[in-house]
Amino acid sequence: MPASILEEVGHLLGVALIRDTATRLSCPSCGSAHVAQVLGDNGGISYVCTACGHSWS
């Protein structure tokens, strides 16, 4: 158990930062983080980069 509320907040912020970084997608073509998830053919999930237009699944 943390000794203070500041330790607890620090721990939660660290976990949130790691989680956000781990789930962020980037375009394999240009490296941009501006990626949209779209419904692909046959119900699959695809992604498109809104910066360069590259698409992948």
N, C-alpha and C. Protein backbone atom coordinates (compact mmCIF):
# COMPACT_ATOMS: atom_id res chain seq x y z
N MET A 1 0.85 -1.18 0.00
CA MET A 1 0.00 0.00 0.00
C MET A 1 0.89 1.24 0.00
N PRO A 2 0.55 2.24 -0.84
CA PRO A 2 1.40 3.44 -0.89
C PRO A 2 1.35 4.22 0.41
N ALA A 3 2.46 4.88 0.69
CA ALA A 3 2.56 5.66 1.91
C ALA A 3 1.83 7.00 1.79
N SER A 4 1.58 7.46 0.58
CA SER A 4 0.90 8.74 0.41
C SER A 4 0.04 8.72 -0.85
N ILE A 5 -0.86 9.67 -0.93
CA ILE A 5 -1.71 9.79 -2.12
C ILE A 5 -0.88 10.16 -3.34
N LEU A 6 0.21 10.89 -3.15
CA LEU A 6 1.07 11.26 -4.28
C LEU A 6 1.72 10.03 -4.91
N GLU A 7 2.11 9.06 -4.07
CA GLU A 7 2.67 7.82 -4.61
C GLU A 7 1.63 7.07 -5.43
N GLU A 8 0.40 7.03 -4.93
CA GLU A 8 -0.66 6.33 -5.64
C GLU A 8 -0.96 7.01 -6.98
N VAL A 9 -1.05 8.34 -6.99
CA VAL A 9 -1.31 9.08 -8.22
C VAL A 9 -0.16 8.86 -9.21
N GLY A 10 1.06 8.89 -8.74
CA GLY A 10 2.21 8.66 -9.60
C GLY A 10 2.16 7.29 -10.24
N HIS A 11 1.79 6.29 -9.46
CA HIS A 11 1.67 4.93 -9.98
C HIS A 11 0.60 4.85 -11.06
N LEU A 12 -0.56 5.44 -10.81
CA LEU A 12 -1.66 5.39 -11.78
C LEU A 12 -1.31 6.14 -13.06
N LEU A 13 -0.64 7.26 -12.96
CA LEU A 13 -0.23 8.00 -14.15
C LEU A 13 0.78 7.22 -14.97
N GLY A 14 1.68 6.53 -14.30
CA GLY A 14 2.66 5.71 -15.01
C GLY A 14 2.00 4.58 -15.77
N VAL A 15 1.03 3.92 -15.17
CA VAL A 15 0.30 2.83 -15.82
C VAL A 15 -0.48 3.37 -17.02
N ALA A 16 -1.13 4.52 -16.86
CA ALA A 16 -1.90 5.11 -17.96
C ALA A 16 -1.00 5.47 -19.13
N LEU A 17 0.18 5.98 -18.86
CA LEU A 17 1.11 6.36 -19.92
C LEU A 17 1.58 5.12 -20.68
N ILE A 18 1.91 4.07 -19.97
CA ILE A 18 2.34 2.82 -20.61
C ILE A 18 1.21 2.25 -21.44
N ARG A 19 0.01 2.26 -20.92
CA ARG A 19 -1.14 1.70 -21.62
C ARG A 19 -1.43 2.49 -22.89
N ASP A 20 -1.37 3.82 -22.83
CA ASP A 20 -1.64 4.65 -24.00
C ASP A 20 -0.59 4.40 -25.08
N THR A 21 0.65 4.28 -24.70
CA THR A 21 1.72 4.06 -25.66
C THR A 21 1.61 2.68 -26.30
N ALA A 22 1.22 1.69 -25.52
CA ALA A 22 1.14 0.33 -26.02
C ALA A 22 0.00 0.13 -27.00
N THR A 23 -1.06 0.92 -26.91
CA THR A 23 -2.21 0.72 -27.76
C THR A 23 -2.25 1.67 -28.95
N ARG A 24 -1.34 2.60 -29.02
CA ARG A 24 -1.34 3.57 -30.12
C ARG A 24 -0.78 2.93 -31.39
N LEU A 25 -1.49 3.14 -32.50
CA LEU A 25 -1.04 2.63 -33.78
C LEU A 25 -0.26 3.70 -34.52
N SER A 26 0.64 3.27 -35.36
CA SER A 26 1.32 4.21 -36.24
C SER A 26 1.38 3.59 -37.63
N CYS A 27 1.40 4.44 -38.62
CA CYS A 27 1.42 4.00 -40.01
C CYS A 27 2.76 3.33 -40.33
N PRO A 28 2.72 2.13 -40.91
CA PRO A 28 3.98 1.46 -41.26
C PRO A 28 4.69 2.14 -42.43
N SER A 29 3.97 2.97 -43.17
CA SER A 29 4.57 3.64 -44.32
C SER A 29 5.27 4.94 -43.94
N CYS A 30 4.55 5.83 -43.22
CA CYS A 30 5.12 7.14 -42.91
C CYS A 30 5.39 7.35 -41.42
N GLY A 31 4.88 6.47 -40.55
CA GLY A 31 5.12 6.58 -39.12
C GLY A 31 4.16 7.50 -38.38
N SER A 32 3.20 8.07 -39.08
CA SER A 32 2.25 8.99 -38.46
C SER A 32 1.34 8.24 -37.48
N ALA A 33 0.92 8.92 -36.44
CA ALA A 33 -0.02 8.36 -35.46
C ALA A 33 -1.47 8.66 -35.85
N HIS A 34 -1.67 9.32 -36.97
CA HIS A 34 -3.02 9.66 -37.43
C HIS A 34 -3.59 8.48 -38.21
N VAL A 35 -4.10 7.50 -37.46
CA VAL A 35 -4.59 6.25 -38.04
C VAL A 35 -6.05 6.07 -37.66
N ALA A 36 -6.86 5.71 -38.65
CA ALA A 36 -8.28 5.44 -38.41
C ALA A 36 -8.55 3.95 -38.63
N GLN A 37 -9.41 3.41 -37.78
CA GLN A 37 -9.81 2.01 -37.92
C GLN A 37 -11.07 1.99 -38.76
N VAL A 38 -11.11 1.17 -39.80
CA VAL A 38 -12.26 1.10 -40.70
C VAL A 38 -12.68 -0.35 -40.88
N LEU A 39 -13.94 -0.52 -41.26
CA LEU A 39 -14.46 -1.85 -41.54
C LEU A 39 -14.03 -2.24 -42.94
N GLY A 40 -13.31 -3.33 -43.04
CA GLY A 40 -12.79 -3.78 -44.33
C GLY A 40 -13.74 -4.71 -45.04
N ASP A 41 -13.29 -5.24 -46.16
CA ASP A 41 -14.08 -6.20 -46.93
C ASP A 41 -14.34 -7.45 -46.09
N ASN A 42 -15.50 -8.04 -46.28
CA ASN A 42 -15.89 -9.27 -45.57
C ASN A 42 -15.92 -9.09 -44.07
N GLY A 43 -16.14 -7.88 -43.59
CA GLY A 43 -16.28 -7.63 -42.16
C GLY A 43 -14.99 -7.57 -41.38
N GLY A 44 -13.85 -7.62 -42.03
CA GLY A 44 -12.57 -7.55 -41.34
C GLY A 44 -12.26 -6.12 -40.90
N ILE A 45 -11.27 -5.98 -40.08
CA ILE A 45 -10.85 -4.66 -39.61
C ILE A 45 -9.62 -4.24 -40.40
N SER A 46 -9.65 -3.03 -40.91
CA SER A 46 -8.52 -2.45 -41.62
C SER A 46 -8.19 -1.11 -41.00
N TYR A 47 -7.04 -0.58 -41.38
CA TYR A 47 -6.59 0.71 -40.87
C TYR A 47 -6.19 1.57 -42.05
N VAL A 48 -6.38 2.87 -41.91
CA VAL A 48 -5.95 3.81 -42.94
C VAL A 48 -5.27 5.00 -42.27
N CYS A 49 -4.16 5.42 -42.86
CA CYS A 49 -3.44 6.58 -42.36
C CYS A 49 -4.06 7.82 -42.96
N THR A 50 -4.51 8.73 -42.12
CA THR A 50 -5.14 9.94 -42.63
C THR A 50 -4.10 10.97 -43.04
N ALA A 51 -2.82 10.70 -42.80
CA ALA A 51 -1.77 11.61 -43.22
C ALA A 51 -1.29 11.31 -44.64
N CYS A 52 -1.08 10.02 -44.94
CA CYS A 52 -0.53 9.68 -46.26
C CYS A 52 -1.47 8.83 -47.12
N GLY A 53 -2.53 8.28 -46.52
CA GLY A 53 -3.50 7.49 -47.28
C GLY A 53 -3.18 6.01 -47.36
N HIS A 54 -2.08 5.57 -46.78
CA HIS A 54 -1.72 4.15 -46.78
C HIS A 54 -2.77 3.36 -46.02
N SER A 55 -3.16 2.19 -46.52
CA SER A 55 -4.12 1.34 -45.80
C SER A 55 -3.52 -0.05 -45.63
N TRP A 56 -3.90 -0.71 -44.54
CA TRP A 56 -3.42 -2.06 -44.23
C TRP A 56 -4.38 -2.75 -43.29
N SER A 57 -4.22 -4.04 -43.14
CA SER A 57 -5.08 -4.79 -42.21
C SER A 57 -4.26 -5.75 -41.38
